[in-house]
N, C-alpha and C. Protein backbone atom coordinates (compact mmCIF):
# COMPACT_ATOMS: atom_id res chain seq x y z
N MET A 1 47.06 -12.75 -19.03
CA MET A 1 47.58 -12.38 -17.73
C MET A 1 48.90 -13.11 -17.51
N SER A 2 49.88 -12.44 -16.96
CA SER A 2 51.20 -13.01 -16.72
C SER A 2 51.30 -13.56 -15.30
N TYR A 3 52.22 -14.47 -15.14
CA TYR A 3 52.48 -15.06 -13.84
C TYR A 3 53.97 -15.01 -13.56
N CYS A 4 54.32 -14.90 -12.30
CA CYS A 4 55.70 -15.02 -11.88
C CYS A 4 55.78 -16.21 -10.94
N THR A 5 56.94 -16.83 -10.94
CA THR A 5 57.15 -18.00 -10.10
C THR A 5 58.40 -17.78 -9.26
N ALA A 6 58.26 -17.99 -7.97
CA ALA A 6 59.40 -17.94 -7.07
C ALA A 6 60.02 -19.33 -7.05
N ILE A 7 61.29 -19.41 -7.37
CA ILE A 7 62.00 -20.68 -7.44
C ILE A 7 62.80 -20.87 -6.15
N TYR A 8 62.57 -22.03 -5.51
CA TYR A 8 63.25 -22.36 -4.26
C TYR A 8 64.19 -23.54 -4.44
N SER A 9 65.26 -23.56 -3.66
CA SER A 9 66.18 -24.69 -3.67
C SER A 9 65.55 -25.85 -2.91
N GLU A 10 66.18 -27.00 -2.96
CA GLU A 10 65.69 -28.15 -2.21
C GLU A 10 65.73 -27.88 -0.71
N LYS A 11 66.57 -26.97 -0.27
CA LYS A 11 66.67 -26.60 1.14
C LYS A 11 65.62 -25.57 1.53
N GLY A 12 64.83 -25.12 0.57
CA GLY A 12 63.78 -24.15 0.85
C GLY A 12 64.23 -22.71 0.76
N GLU A 13 65.42 -22.46 0.22
CA GLU A 13 65.93 -21.10 0.08
C GLU A 13 65.48 -20.51 -1.24
N LEU A 14 65.01 -19.28 -1.20
CA LEU A 14 64.58 -18.59 -2.41
C LEU A 14 65.78 -18.35 -3.31
N GLN A 15 65.68 -18.78 -4.56
CA GLN A 15 66.77 -18.63 -5.52
C GLN A 15 66.55 -17.44 -6.45
N LYS A 16 65.34 -17.38 -7.07
CA LYS A 16 65.05 -16.32 -8.02
C LYS A 16 63.56 -16.28 -8.30
N VAL A 17 63.13 -15.22 -9.00
CA VAL A 17 61.75 -15.09 -9.45
C VAL A 17 61.81 -15.00 -10.97
N VAL A 18 61.02 -15.85 -11.63
CA VAL A 18 60.99 -15.84 -13.09
C VAL A 18 59.59 -15.49 -13.59
N LYS A 19 59.54 -14.84 -14.75
CA LYS A 19 58.27 -14.51 -15.38
C LYS A 19 57.75 -15.74 -16.12
N SER A 20 56.52 -15.66 -16.61
CA SER A 20 55.89 -16.79 -17.29
C SER A 20 56.65 -17.22 -18.55
N ASP A 21 57.45 -16.32 -19.12
CA ASP A 21 58.24 -16.68 -20.30
C ASP A 21 59.59 -17.29 -19.93
N GLY A 22 59.85 -17.44 -18.64
CA GLY A 22 61.08 -18.09 -18.18
C GLY A 22 62.23 -17.15 -17.87
N THR A 23 62.07 -15.86 -18.17
CA THR A 23 63.13 -14.90 -17.89
C THR A 23 63.03 -14.41 -16.46
N GLU A 24 64.18 -14.04 -15.90
CA GLU A 24 64.17 -13.55 -14.53
C GLU A 24 63.49 -12.19 -14.45
N SER A 25 62.83 -11.94 -13.33
CA SER A 25 62.15 -10.68 -13.10
C SER A 25 63.17 -9.58 -12.81
N LYS A 26 63.19 -8.56 -13.66
CA LYS A 26 64.09 -7.44 -13.47
C LYS A 26 63.70 -6.65 -12.22
N LEU A 27 62.40 -6.51 -11.98
CA LEU A 27 61.96 -5.77 -10.79
C LEU A 27 62.42 -6.48 -9.52
N PHE A 28 62.21 -7.79 -9.43
CA PHE A 28 62.65 -8.53 -8.25
C PHE A 28 64.15 -8.37 -8.05
N ASN A 29 64.93 -8.51 -9.13
CA ASN A 29 66.38 -8.38 -9.02
C ASN A 29 66.80 -6.99 -8.57
N THR A 30 66.06 -5.97 -8.99
CA THR A 30 66.34 -4.60 -8.55
C THR A 30 66.03 -4.45 -7.07
N ILE A 31 64.92 -5.01 -6.63
CA ILE A 31 64.54 -4.94 -5.21
C ILE A 31 65.59 -5.64 -4.35
N VAL A 32 66.05 -6.81 -4.78
CA VAL A 32 67.06 -7.56 -4.02
C VAL A 32 68.33 -6.74 -3.81
N LYS A 33 68.71 -5.95 -4.81
CA LYS A 33 69.95 -5.17 -4.76
C LYS A 33 69.82 -3.87 -3.95
N HIS A 34 68.60 -3.51 -3.56
CA HIS A 34 68.41 -2.26 -2.82
C HIS A 34 69.13 -2.35 -1.47
N PRO A 35 69.84 -1.31 -1.08
CA PRO A 35 70.64 -1.38 0.15
C PRO A 35 69.83 -1.57 1.44
N LEU A 36 68.57 -1.22 1.44
CA LEU A 36 67.76 -1.40 2.65
C LEU A 36 67.07 -2.76 2.71
N VAL A 37 67.15 -3.53 1.65
CA VAL A 37 66.54 -4.87 1.62
C VAL A 37 67.60 -5.86 2.07
N LYS A 38 67.28 -6.60 3.14
CA LYS A 38 68.29 -7.44 3.79
C LYS A 38 68.33 -8.88 3.29
N SER A 39 67.31 -9.33 2.56
CA SER A 39 67.29 -10.72 2.13
C SER A 39 66.40 -10.89 0.90
N LYS A 40 66.54 -12.04 0.24
CA LYS A 40 65.67 -12.35 -0.88
C LYS A 40 64.23 -12.53 -0.41
N ALA A 41 64.05 -13.06 0.80
CA ALA A 41 62.70 -13.24 1.34
C ALA A 41 62.02 -11.88 1.54
N GLU A 42 62.75 -10.92 2.03
CA GLU A 42 62.21 -9.57 2.20
C GLU A 42 61.89 -8.96 0.83
N ALA A 43 62.77 -9.17 -0.14
CA ALA A 43 62.54 -8.66 -1.49
C ALA A 43 61.28 -9.28 -2.09
N LEU A 44 61.06 -10.58 -1.84
CA LEU A 44 59.87 -11.24 -2.36
C LEU A 44 58.61 -10.65 -1.73
N ALA A 45 58.65 -10.35 -0.44
CA ALA A 45 57.50 -9.74 0.22
C ALA A 45 57.17 -8.38 -0.40
N ILE A 46 58.18 -7.59 -0.69
CA ILE A 46 57.97 -6.30 -1.34
C ILE A 46 57.41 -6.51 -2.74
N PHE A 47 57.98 -7.43 -3.48
CA PHE A 47 57.54 -7.74 -4.83
C PHE A 47 56.08 -8.19 -4.83
N LYS A 48 55.71 -9.06 -3.90
CA LYS A 48 54.32 -9.53 -3.81
C LYS A 48 53.37 -8.39 -3.53
N ASN A 49 53.76 -7.46 -2.68
CA ASN A 49 52.90 -6.32 -2.38
C ASN A 49 52.61 -5.49 -3.61
N LYS A 50 53.53 -5.45 -4.54
CA LYS A 50 53.35 -4.67 -5.76
C LYS A 50 52.35 -5.32 -6.72
N PHE A 51 52.41 -6.66 -6.85
CA PHE A 51 51.68 -7.31 -7.92
C PHE A 51 50.59 -8.30 -7.52
N SER A 52 50.56 -8.76 -6.31
CA SER A 52 49.72 -9.91 -6.03
C SER A 52 48.24 -9.56 -5.83
N ASN A 53 47.41 -10.19 -6.64
CA ASN A 53 45.97 -10.23 -6.39
C ASN A 53 45.66 -11.55 -5.71
N THR A 54 46.32 -12.58 -6.15
CA THR A 54 46.21 -13.89 -5.52
C THR A 54 47.60 -14.50 -5.47
N ILE A 55 47.86 -15.21 -4.39
CA ILE A 55 49.14 -15.89 -4.22
C ILE A 55 48.82 -17.33 -3.84
N SER A 56 49.41 -18.26 -4.55
CA SER A 56 49.20 -19.66 -4.22
C SER A 56 50.51 -20.39 -4.39
N GLY A 57 50.58 -21.58 -3.89
CA GLY A 57 51.78 -22.38 -4.06
C GLY A 57 51.96 -23.35 -2.93
N LYS A 58 52.98 -24.16 -3.04
CA LYS A 58 53.32 -25.14 -2.03
C LYS A 58 54.59 -24.70 -1.33
N ALA A 59 54.70 -25.00 -0.06
CA ALA A 59 55.90 -24.67 0.68
C ALA A 59 57.09 -25.33 0.01
N GLN A 60 58.17 -24.61 -0.13
CA GLN A 60 59.40 -25.06 -0.75
C GLN A 60 59.19 -25.45 -2.21
N ASP A 61 58.16 -24.92 -2.85
CA ASP A 61 57.93 -25.21 -4.26
C ASP A 61 57.87 -23.89 -5.02
N VAL A 62 56.67 -23.35 -5.26
CA VAL A 62 56.55 -22.10 -5.99
C VAL A 62 55.39 -21.28 -5.44
N ASN A 63 55.43 -20.00 -5.72
CA ASN A 63 54.32 -19.09 -5.45
C ASN A 63 53.95 -18.47 -6.78
N ASN A 64 52.71 -18.61 -7.19
CA ASN A 64 52.25 -18.00 -8.44
C ASN A 64 51.59 -16.68 -8.13
N MET A 65 51.99 -15.67 -8.88
CA MET A 65 51.45 -14.34 -8.63
C MET A 65 50.91 -13.77 -9.92
N LYS A 66 49.65 -13.32 -9.90
CA LYS A 66 49.08 -12.66 -11.07
C LYS A 66 49.42 -11.19 -11.00
N TYR A 67 49.74 -10.61 -12.16
CA TYR A 67 49.93 -9.16 -12.22
C TYR A 67 49.61 -8.67 -13.60
């Protein structure tokens, strides 16, 4: 089973989503670029709806998502 990790800055801003192999998620990056998506946080919410069975993590740290 694969995992994705949401990477946050020290200020708590979402930077990127990476797959378990360390590469950036192409799907997340595509969602971020969609003209109706206004922020990375909104893109992450859409991304989570697609893949999440369980979501865990620490605030300003990471969210692990199984898909």
